[in-house]
């Protein structure tokens, strides 16, 4: 497949006719959240999903991870249709191929930074989980904070732990939902630089949801959501340096 004479990478993510709706609380009809979403993402690409609050961005990201189920349509990750799998099989595929970074960090408060990063590795049966987790925490600048619990870490440090946890299993795809939304501007910029650096080093496909247009412009492509529809796709002129 080519565009403007340039060979495009084969898709790692393919979204085909994705629709999602929920029944209204009074039972009087349904609310359409996503309508006929179609796009693909190549290996190693960086893609931002932007749009107003309520436009369906986070719902779309959750479907890409197989954390939710659509009314109809397909999401294929490395050729595997997520919704042809049962929940256990989807969870296994997430563990093997998909990392997720949440706006609210989602660290387990009873586990140390090291244990939080070790957890997905141990669930995947990695025999060197402690060593790999330690290396990733060192890469994100937290080598001296291994035994600290989330409540003793700043917001920026917690997001660094979340990034290390997402990247440690070496996923093919990293999904990030407003990764700097709970951080101050300076800390957010540092996290952005770190995220793109890890993306380049690992060759991971990056898909992120953001309200931050400057962050979106760092990606190679922007997908714009409006009222549950994918209205336009843009190539940005400022890919990550």
Protein backbone atom coordinates (compact mmCIF):
# COMPACT_ATOMS: atom_id res chain seq x y z
CA UNK A 1 0.00 0.00 0.00
CA UNK A 2 1.38 3.41 -0.97
CA UNK A 3 0.46 7.06 -0.50
CA UNK A 4 2.17 9.75 -2.62
CA UNK A 5 4.75 7.19 -3.69
CA UNK A 6 5.73 6.33 -0.10
CA UNK A 7 5.46 2.77 1.13
CA UNK A 8 3.24 2.61 4.22
CA UNK A 9 3.87 0.14 7.03
CA UNK A 10 1.44 -2.75 7.35
CA UNK A 11 -1.38 -2.05 9.82
CA UNK A 12 -0.92 -3.04 13.45
CA UNK A 13 -4.40 -1.69 14.27
CA UNK A 14 -7.37 -1.87 11.91
CA UNK A 15 -10.74 -0.36 12.87
CA UNK A 16 -13.65 -1.33 10.63
CA UNK A 17 -17.18 0.08 10.99
CA UNK A 18 -16.98 0.52 14.77
CA UNK A 19 -20.23 1.63 16.44
CA UNK A 20 -21.11 2.05 20.11
CA UNK A 21 -24.31 3.15 21.79
CA UNK A 22 -25.83 3.03 25.26
CA UNK A 23 -29.45 2.90 26.39
CA UNK A 24 -30.64 6.14 27.99
CA UNK A 25 -31.33 6.06 31.72
CA UNK A 26 -35.09 6.55 31.21
CA UNK A 27 -35.14 3.70 28.70
CA UNK A 28 -36.40 6.04 26.00
CA UNK A 29 -34.02 5.32 23.15
CA UNK A 30 -30.26 5.07 22.75
CA UNK A 31 -27.36 7.49 22.72
CA UNK A 32 -24.94 7.02 19.81
CA UNK A 33 -21.36 7.36 21.10
CA UNK A 34 -19.42 6.11 18.06
CA UNK A 35 -20.70 5.85 14.50
CA UNK A 36 -19.00 3.88 11.73
CA UNK A 37 -15.37 4.56 12.73
CA UNK A 38 -12.80 3.33 10.20
CA UNK A 39 -9.03 3.79 10.15
CA UNK A 40 -5.77 1.87 10.41
CA UNK A 41 -2.45 2.49 12.14
CA UNK A 42 0.90 1.22 10.90
CA UNK A 43 3.73 -0.28 12.93
CA UNK A 44 5.75 2.36 14.76
CA UNK A 45 3.33 5.17 13.88
CA UNK A 46 2.28 7.86 16.35
CA UNK A 47 -1.37 8.95 16.20
CA UNK A 48 -3.30 11.50 18.25
CA UNK A 49 -7.08 11.34 18.69
CA UNK A 50 -8.46 14.81 19.43
CA UNK A 51 -11.87 16.38 19.89
CA UNK A 52 -14.17 18.05 22.40
CA UNK A 53 -15.23 16.38 25.64
CA UNK A 54 -17.97 13.85 24.91
CA UNK A 55 -16.94 13.35 21.29
CA UNK A 56 -16.13 9.67 21.87
CA UNK A 57 -12.32 9.77 22.13
CA UNK A 58 -11.88 7.79 25.34
CA UNK A 59 -14.61 5.33 24.36
CA UNK A 60 -12.74 4.67 21.12
CA UNK A 61 -9.46 4.15 22.98
CA UNK A 62 -11.10 1.68 25.36
CA UNK A 63 -12.42 -0.29 22.38
CA UNK A 64 -8.96 -0.33 20.79
CA UNK A 65 -7.72 -1.99 23.98
CA UNK A 66 -10.62 -4.44 24.12
CA UNK A 67 -11.67 -2.98 27.48
CA UNK A 68 -15.19 -2.43 26.12
CA UNK A 69 -17.33 -4.16 23.48
CA UNK A 70 -18.91 -2.34 20.50
CA UNK A 71 -22.45 -2.64 19.22
CA UNK A 72 -20.94 -3.68 15.91
CA UNK A 73 -17.72 -3.43 13.95
CA UNK A 74 -14.24 -4.85 14.39
CA UNK A 75 -10.91 -3.91 15.90
CA UNK A 76 -8.00 -6.02 14.68
CA UNK A 77 -4.65 -5.91 16.46
CA UNK A 78 -1.90 -7.61 14.46
CA UNK A 79 -4.67 -9.22 12.40
CA UNK A 80 -6.58 -10.63 15.40
CA UNK A 81 -10.17 -9.46 15.78
CA UNK A 82 -10.47 -8.49 19.47
CA UNK A 83 -14.20 -9.10 19.59
CA UNK A 84 -13.99 -12.58 18.12
CA UNK A 85 -12.26 -13.46 21.42
CA UNK A 86 -13.80 -14.01 24.84
CA UNK A 87 -12.80 -11.74 27.73
CA UNK A 88 -10.01 -14.05 28.93
CA UNK A 89 -8.48 -14.23 25.44
CA UNK A 90 -8.75 -10.43 25.05
CA UNK A 91 -6.97 -10.00 28.38
CA UNK A 92 -4.23 -12.35 27.21
CA UNK A 93 -3.81 -10.39 23.97
CA UNK A 94 -3.61 -7.12 25.92
CA UNK A 95 -0.91 -8.63 28.10
CA UNK A 96 1.09 -9.68 25.05
CA UNK A 97 0.62 -6.75 22.69
CA UNK A 98 -0.99 -3.66 24.26
CA UNK A 99 0.21 -1.22 26.91
CA UNK A 100 -2.17 1.37 28.42
CA UNK A 101 -1.35 4.64 30.18
CA UNK A 102 -4.25 6.23 32.08
CA UNK A 103 -4.72 9.90 32.94
CA UNK A 104 -5.24 8.90 36.59
CA UNK A 105 -2.13 6.65 36.56
CA UNK A 106 -4.04 3.58 37.92
CA UNK A 107 -1.18 2.40 40.09
CA UNK A 108 -2.00 -0.14 42.79
CA UNK A 109 -1.55 1.73 46.11
CA UNK A 110 -0.50 -1.36 48.08
CA UNK A 111 2.40 -2.07 45.70
CA UNK A 112 5.71 -0.23 45.45
CA UNK A 113 6.85 1.38 42.22
CA UNK A 114 8.92 -1.72 41.45
CA UNK A 115 6.05 -4.09 42.23
CA UNK A 116 3.63 -2.08 40.07
CA UNK A 117 5.97 -2.42 37.08
CA UNK A 118 6.68 -6.07 37.83
CA UNK A 119 2.98 -7.01 37.92
CA UNK A 120 2.24 -7.26 34.17
CA UNK A 121 5.54 -9.04 33.63
CA UNK A 122 4.72 -11.61 36.30
CA UNK A 123 1.21 -12.09 34.89
CA UNK A 124 2.85 -12.81 31.52
CA UNK A 125 5.10 -15.42 33.17
CA UNK A 126 8.37 -13.50 32.77
CA UNK A 127 11.10 -15.09 34.86
CA UNK A 128 13.16 -11.89 35.00
CA UNK A 129 10.35 -9.54 36.04
CA UNK A 130 12.31 -7.84 38.83
CA UNK A 131 15.35 -7.15 36.66
CA UNK A 132 13.30 -5.85 33.72
CA UNK A 133 11.13 -3.66 35.97
CA UNK A 134 14.21 -2.24 37.65
CA UNK A 135 15.79 -1.40 34.29
CA UNK A 136 12.64 0.39 33.10
CA UNK A 137 12.32 2.42 36.29
CA UNK A 138 15.95 3.42 35.87
CA UNK A 139 15.23 4.45 32.27
CA UNK A 140 12.46 6.79 33.42
CA UNK A 141 14.67 8.31 36.11
CA UNK A 142 13.25 6.51 39.15
CA UNK A 143 16.09 4.16 40.00
CA UNK A 144 16.23 5.62 43.52
CA UNK A 145 12.46 5.30 44.09
CA UNK A 146 11.97 1.56 43.53
CA UNK A 147 10.56 0.84 46.99
CA UNK A 148 8.37 3.95 47.25
CA UNK A 149 4.60 3.54 47.26
CA UNK A 150 2.37 5.69 44.98
CA UNK A 151 1.25 7.92 47.87
CA UNK A 152 4.88 8.91 48.39
CA UNK A 153 5.43 9.82 44.73
CA UNK A 154 4.56 13.08 42.96
CA UNK A 155 2.09 13.08 40.06
CA UNK A 156 4.94 13.21 37.57
CA UNK A 157 6.71 10.33 39.28
CA UNK A 158 3.53 8.26 39.31
CA UNK A 159 3.08 8.84 35.58
CA UNK A 160 6.70 7.77 35.03
CA UNK A 161 5.94 4.54 36.88
CA UNK A 162 2.85 4.12 34.69
CA UNK A 163 4.96 4.61 31.56
CA UNK A 164 7.53 2.09 32.77
CA UNK A 165 4.75 -0.38 33.54
CA UNK A 166 3.24 0.08 30.07
CA UNK A 167 6.54 -0.26 28.19
CA UNK A 168 8.12 -3.04 30.30
CA UNK A 169 6.31 -5.97 28.61
CA UNK A 170 7.53 -4.64 25.22
CA UNK A 171 4.05 -4.13 23.72
CA UNK A 172 3.53 -3.63 20.01
CA UNK A 173 0.97 -0.90 20.77
CA UNK A 174 0.86 1.76 23.50
CA UNK A 175 -2.48 3.49 24.15
CA UNK A 176 -2.48 6.64 26.30
CA UNK A 177 -5.59 8.45 27.58
CA UNK A 178 -4.80 12.12 28.37
CA UNK A 179 -1.35 11.11 29.71
CA UNK A 180 -0.53 14.65 30.89
CA UNK A 181 -4.05 15.69 31.96
CA UNK A 182 -3.35 15.55 35.71
CA UNK A 183 0.12 17.10 35.54
CA UNK A 184 1.39 20.67 35.68
CA UNK A 185 2.73 22.14 32.43
CA UNK A 186 6.42 21.61 33.16
CA UNK A 187 5.97 18.03 34.38
CA UNK A 188 3.65 17.33 31.44
CA UNK A 189 6.29 18.46 28.95
CA UNK A 190 8.85 16.15 30.58
CA UNK A 191 6.43 13.21 30.40
CA UNK A 192 5.70 13.97 26.72
CA UNK A 193 9.42 13.97 25.88
CA UNK A 194 9.89 10.72 27.76
CA UNK A 195 6.91 9.06 26.10
CA UNK A 196 8.08 9.89 22.59
CA UNK A 197 11.67 8.91 23.41
CA UNK A 198 10.50 5.50 24.63
CA UNK A 199 8.25 5.24 21.57
CA UNK A 200 11.21 5.82 19.24
CA UNK A 201 13.58 3.52 21.13
CA UNK A 202 11.15 0.62 21.38
CA UNK A 203 9.53 1.10 17.94
CA UNK A 204 6.15 0.90 19.65
CA UNK A 205 3.01 2.08 17.86
CA UNK A 206 1.62 5.02 19.86
CA UNK A 207 -2.04 6.06 19.94
CA UNK A 208 -3.01 8.79 22.38
CA UNK A 209 -6.13 10.75 23.28
CA UNK A 210 -5.52 14.38 24.14
CA UNK A 211 -7.11 17.83 24.39
CA UNK A 212 -3.63 19.32 23.96
CA UNK A 213 -3.22 20.43 20.33
CA UNK A 214 0.54 20.98 20.79
CA UNK A 215 0.90 17.38 21.98
CA UNK A 216 -1.21 16.19 19.05
CA UNK A 217 1.10 17.99 16.61
CA UNK A 218 4.01 15.93 17.94
CA UNK A 219 2.37 12.86 16.43
CA UNK A 220 2.73 11.87 12.81
CA UNK A 221 -1.05 11.84 12.33
CA UNK A 222 -4.13 13.39 13.94
CA UNK A 223 -7.60 11.85 13.96
CA UNK A 224 -10.34 14.33 14.86
CA UNK A 225 -13.56 13.16 16.53
CA UNK A 226 -16.78 15.16 16.35
CA UNK A 227 -20.01 13.86 17.91
CA UNK A 228 -18.96 10.24 17.62
CA UNK A 229 -17.73 10.45 14.05
CA UNK A 230 -14.25 10.56 12.62
CA UNK A 231 -14.51 13.83 10.71
CA UNK A 232 -11.03 14.18 9.32
CA UNK A 233 -7.54 12.71 9.38
CA UNK A 234 -4.56 15.00 9.20
CA UNK A 235 -0.88 14.46 8.64
CA UNK A 236 1.00 16.78 10.96
CA UNK A 237 4.07 18.72 9.95
CA UNK A 238 5.87 18.39 13.26
CA UNK A 239 6.64 14.71 13.98
CA UNK A 240 8.57 13.88 17.16
CA UNK A 241 12.21 14.94 17.02
